[in-house]
PDB file of N, CA and C in Angstrom:
ATOM      1  N   MET A   1      77.373  84.342  96.610  1.00  0.00           N
ATOM      2  CA  MET A   1      79.171  83.927  97.439  1.00  0.00           C
ATOM      3  C   MET A   1      78.639  82.756  97.383  1.00  0.00           C
ATOM      4  N   ASN A   2      79.362  81.890  96.460  1.00  0.00           N
ATOM      5  CA  ASN A   2      79.870  80.434  95.685  1.00  0.00           C
ATOM      6  C   ASN A   2      80.847  79.868  96.100  1.00  0.00           C
ATOM      7  N   GLY A   3      81.939  80.361  97.350  1.00  0.00           N
ATOM      8  CA  GLY A   3      82.566  79.484  98.059  1.00  0.00           C
ATOM      9  C   GLY A   3      83.539  79.196  97.317  1.00  0.00           C
ATOM     10  N   SER A   4      83.838  79.631  96.215  1.00  0.00           N
ATOM     11  CA  SER A   4      85.604  79.623  95.256  1.00  0.00           C
ATOM     12  C   SER A   4      86.926  80.183  96.119  1.00  0.00           C
ATOM     13  N   GLN A   5      87.781  80.408  95.032  1.00  0.00           N
ATOM     14  CA  GLN A   5      88.672  79.999  96.267  1.00  0.00           C
ATOM     15  C   GLN A   5      89.495  81.176  94.513  1.00  0.00           C
ATOM     16  N   GLY A   6      88.956  81.525  93.687  1.00  0.00           N
ATOM     17  CA  GLY A   6      89.430  81.894  92.515  1.00  0.00           C
ATOM     18  C   GLY A   6      89.903  83.512  92.785  1.00  0.00           C
ATOM     19  N   LYS A   7      91.121  83.559  91.511  1.00  0.00           N
ATOM     20  CA  LYS A   7      91.239  85.296  92.052  1.00  0.00           C
ATOM     21  C   LYS A   7      90.545  86.197  92.421  1.00  0.00           C
ATOM     22  N   GLU A   8      89.475  86.191  91.429  1.00  0.00           N
ATOM     23  CA  GLU A   8      88.841  87.330  91.384  1.00  0.00           C
ATOM     24  C   GLU A   8      87.227  87.498  92.642  1.00  0.00           C
ATOM     25  N   ASP A   9      87.394  85.868  93.353  1.00  0.00           N
ATOM     26  CA  ASP A   9      87.140  85.681  94.503  1.00  0.00           C
ATOM     27  C   ASP A   9      87.569  86.445  96.020  1.00  0.00           C
ATOM     28  N   LEU A  10      89.186  86.264  95.879  1.00  0.00           N
ATOM     29  CA  LEU A  10      89.874  85.999  96.694  1.00  0.00           C
ATOM     30  C   LEU A  10      90.383  87.944  96.961  1.00  0.00           C
ATOM     31  N   ILE A  11      90.031  88.796  95.879  1.00  0.00           N
ATOM     32  CA  ILE A  11      89.888  90.272  95.643  1.00  0.00           C
ATOM     33  C   ILE A  11      88.918  90.743  96.335  1.00  0.00           C
ATOM     34  N   SER A  12      88.122  89.925  95.869  1.00  0.00           N
ATOM     35  CA  SER A  12      86.496  90.616  96.445  1.00  0.00           C
ATOM     36  C   SER A  12      86.217  90.384  97.675  1.00  0.00           C
ATOM     37  N   ALA A  13      87.011  89.636  98.509  1.00  0.00           N
ATOM     38  CA  ALA A  13      86.672  89.440  99.459  1.00  0.00           C
ATOM     39  C   ALA A  13      87.153  90.493 100.296  1.00  0.00           C
ATOM     40  N   CYS A  14      88.536  90.113  99.840  1.00  0.00           N
ATOM     41  CA  CYS A  14      89.520  91.440 100.406  1.00  0.00           C
ATOM     42  C   CYS A  14      88.853  92.671 101.011  1.00  0.00           C
ATOM     43  N   GLU A  15      88.605  92.795  99.691  1.00  0.00           N
ATOM     44  CA  GLU A  15      87.748  94.417  99.500  1.00  0.00           C
ATOM     45  C   GLU A  15      86.765  94.844 100.103  1.00  0.00           C
ATOM     46  N   ASN A  16      86.553  93.905 100.418  1.00  0.00           N
ATOM     47  CA  ASN A  16      84.992  93.885 101.796  1.00  0.00           C
ATOM     48  C   ASN A  16      85.397  93.595 102.930  1.00  0.00           C
ATOM     49  N   ALA A  17      86.330  93.341 103.268  1.00  0.00           N
ATOM     50  CA  ALA A  17      86.875  93.166 104.299  1.00  0.00           C
ATOM     51  C   ALA A  17      87.083  94.378 105.127  1.00  0.00           C
ATOM     52  N   LEU A  18      88.324  94.889 103.553  1.00  0.00           N
ATOM     53  CA  LEU A  18      89.131  96.180 104.004  1.00  0.00           C
ATOM     54  C   LEU A  18      88.053  97.652 104.588  1.00  0.00           C
ATOM     55  N   HIS A  19      86.394  97.545 103.719  1.00  0.00           N
ATOM     56  CA  HIS A  19      85.448  98.245 103.748  1.00  0.00           C
ATOM     57  C   HIS A  19      84.948  98.642 104.608  1.00  0.00           C
ATOM     58  N   TYR A  20      84.976  96.739 105.078  1.00  0.00           N
ATOM     59  CA  TYR A  20      84.057  97.035 106.368  1.00  0.00           C
ATOM     60  C   TYR A  20      84.995  97.373 107.607  1.00  0.00           C
ATOM     61  N   PHE A  21      86.335  96.966 107.240  1.00  0.00           N
ATOM     62  CA  PHE A  21      87.102  97.007 108.849  1.00  0.00           C
ATOM     63  C   PHE A  21      87.238  98.935 108.761  1.00  0.00           C
ATOM     64  N   GLY A  22      87.275  99.448 107.395  1.00  0.00           N
ATOM     65  CA  GLY A  22      87.265 100.968 107.036  1.00  0.00           C
ATOM     66  C   GLY A  22      88.845 101.544 107.349  1.00  0.00           C
ATOM     67  N   GLY A  23      89.930 100.676 107.043  1.00  0.00           N
ATOM     68  CA  GLY A  23      91.222 100.747 106.628  1.00  0.00           C
ATOM     69  C   GLY A  23      92.167  99.724 105.949  1.00  0.00           C
ATOM     70  N   VAL A  24      93.240  99.971 105.745  1.00  0.00           N
ATOM     71  CA  VAL A  24      93.828  99.324 105.359  1.00  0.00           C
ATOM     72  C   VAL A  24      95.506  98.435 106.022  1.00  0.00           C
ATOM     73  N   PRO A  25      96.011  97.693 106.477  1.00  0.00           N
ATOM     74  CA  PRO A  25      96.984  97.475 106.930  1.00  0.00           C
ATOM     75  C   PRO A  25      98.358  97.917 106.226  1.00  0.00           C
ATOM     76  N   LEU A  26      99.171  98.180 106.647  1.00  0.00           N
ATOM     77  CA  LEU A  26     100.503  98.340 105.816  1.00  0.00           C
ATOM     78  C   LEU A  26     100.881  96.937 105.025  1.00  0.00           C
ATOM     79  N   ALA A  27     100.460  96.312 105.469  1.00  0.00           N
ATOM     80  CA  ALA A  27     100.937  95.170 104.182  1.00  0.00           C
ATOM     81  C   ALA A  27     100.168  93.716 104.737  1.00  0.00           C
ATOM     82  N   THR A  28      99.730  93.235 103.665  1.00  0.00           N
ATOM     83  CA  THR A  28      98.642  91.840 103.391  1.00  0.00           C
ATOM     84  C   THR A  28      99.123  90.608 103.603  1.00  0.00           C
ATOM     85  N   VAL A  29      99.232  89.919 103.777  1.00  0.00           N
ATOM     86  CA  VAL A  29     100.324  88.479 103.632  1.00  0.00           C
ATOM     87  C   VAL A  29      99.309  87.807 103.406  1.00  0.00           C
ATOM     88  N   PRO A  30      99.300  86.827 102.658  1.00  0.00           N
ATOM     89  CA  PRO A  30      98.592  85.944 101.775  1.00  0.00           C
ATOM     90  C   PRO A  30      99.186  84.784 102.598  1.00  0.00           C
ATOM     91  N   ASP A  31      98.223  83.351 103.031  1.00  0.00           N
ATOM     92  CA  ASP A  31      98.572  82.358 103.747  1.00  0.00           C
ATOM     93  C   ASP A  31      98.592  80.598 102.457  1.00  0.00           C
ATOM     94  N   ASN A  32      99.552  81.056 101.850  1.00  0.00           N
ATOM     95  CA  ASN A  32      99.933  80.737 100.779  1.00  0.00           C
ATOM     96  C   ASN A  32      98.363  79.685 100.188  1.00  0.00           C
ATOM     97  N   LEU A  33      97.273  80.579  99.898  1.00  0.00           N
ATOM     98  CA  LEU A  33      96.141  80.218  99.367  1.00  0.00           C
ATOM     99  C   LEU A  33      96.034  79.965  97.748  1.00  0.00           C
ATOM    100  N   LYS A  34      96.072  79.351  97.252  1.00  0.00           N
ATOM    101  CA  LYS A  34      96.115  78.454  95.866  1.00  0.00           C
ATOM    102  C   LYS A  34      95.823  79.880  94.942  1.00  0.00           C
ATOM    103  N   ALA A  35      94.944  80.299  95.035  1.00  0.00           N
ATOM    104  CA  ALA A  35      94.028  81.999  94.374  1.00  0.00           C
ATOM    105  C   ALA A  35      95.133  82.891  94.319  1.00  0.00           C
ATOM    106  N   ALA A  36      96.396  83.266  95.195  1.00  0.00           N
ATOM    107  CA  ALA A  36      96.250  84.531  96.058  1.00  0.00           C
ATOM    108  C   ALA A  36      98.442  83.347  95.468  1.00  0.00           C
ATOM    109  N   VAL A  37      99.215  82.494  95.812  1.00  0.00           N
ATOM    110  CA  VAL A  37     100.356  82.064  95.779  1.00  0.00           C
ATOM    111  C   VAL A  37     100.149  81.168  94.418  1.00  0.00           C
ATOM    112  N   THR A  38     101.059  81.514  92.993  1.00  0.00           N
ATOM    113  CA  THR A  38     101.503  80.103  92.277  1.00  0.00           C
ATOM    114  C   THR A  38     102.372  79.836  92.701  1.00  0.00           C
ATOM    115  N   LYS A  39     103.440  79.876  92.866  1.00  0.00           N
ATOM    116  CA  LYS A  39     104.447  78.890  93.133  1.00  0.00           C
ATOM    117  C   LYS A  39     105.203  79.630  94.564  1.00  0.00           C
ATOM    118  N   SER A  40     105.126  78.452  95.482  1.00  0.00           N
ATOM    119  CA  SER A  40     105.666  79.336  97.064  1.00  0.00           C
ATOM    120  C   SER A  40     107.364  79.627  96.792  1.00  0.00           C
ATOM    121  N   ASN A  41     107.453  80.333  97.987  1.00  0.00           N
ATOM    122  CA  ASN A  41     108.964  80.275  98.302  1.00  0.00           C
ATOM    123  C   ASN A  41     108.685  81.723  99.777  1.00  0.00           C
ATOM    124  N   ARG A  42     110.172  80.946 100.670  1.00  0.00           N
ATOM    125  CA  ARG A  42     109.857  81.826 101.917  1.00  0.00           C
ATOM    126  C   ARG A  42     109.894  83.306 101.698  1.00  0.00           C
ATOM    127  N   TYR A  43     110.800  83.711 100.569  1.00  0.00           N
ATOM    128  CA  TYR A  43     111.144  85.046 100.634  1.00  0.00           C
ATOM    129  C   TYR A  43     109.889  86.489  99.462  1.00  0.00           C
ATOM    130  N   GLU A  44     110.423  85.070  98.650  1.00  0.00           N
ATOM    131  CA  GLU A  44     109.284  85.815  97.428  1.00  0.00           C
ATOM    132  C   GLU A  44     108.413  84.777  96.792  1.00  0.00           C
ATOM    133  N   PRO A  45     107.464  84.894  97.423  1.00  0.00           N
ATOM    134  CA  PRO A  45     106.010  83.988  96.847  1.00  0.00           C
ATOM    135  C   PRO A  45     105.738  85.231  95.570  1.00  0.00           C
ATOM    136  N   LEU A  46     105.227  84.324  94.386  1.00  0.00           N
ATOM    137  CA  LEU A  46     104.828  84.615  92.990  1.00  0.00           C
ATOM    138  C   LEU A  46     103.220  84.497  93.128  1.00  0.00           C
TER     139      LEU A  46
END
């Protein structure tokens, strides 16, 4: 792991965490991480 915050690394990290915990939540909400949110908006982030 190289510590990057690219989209591929974020998706891989989330996938690994979900496999580790053995399930998925009803929703996953990013905290405005640059790789996950390209345009912030309180109700409809992109």
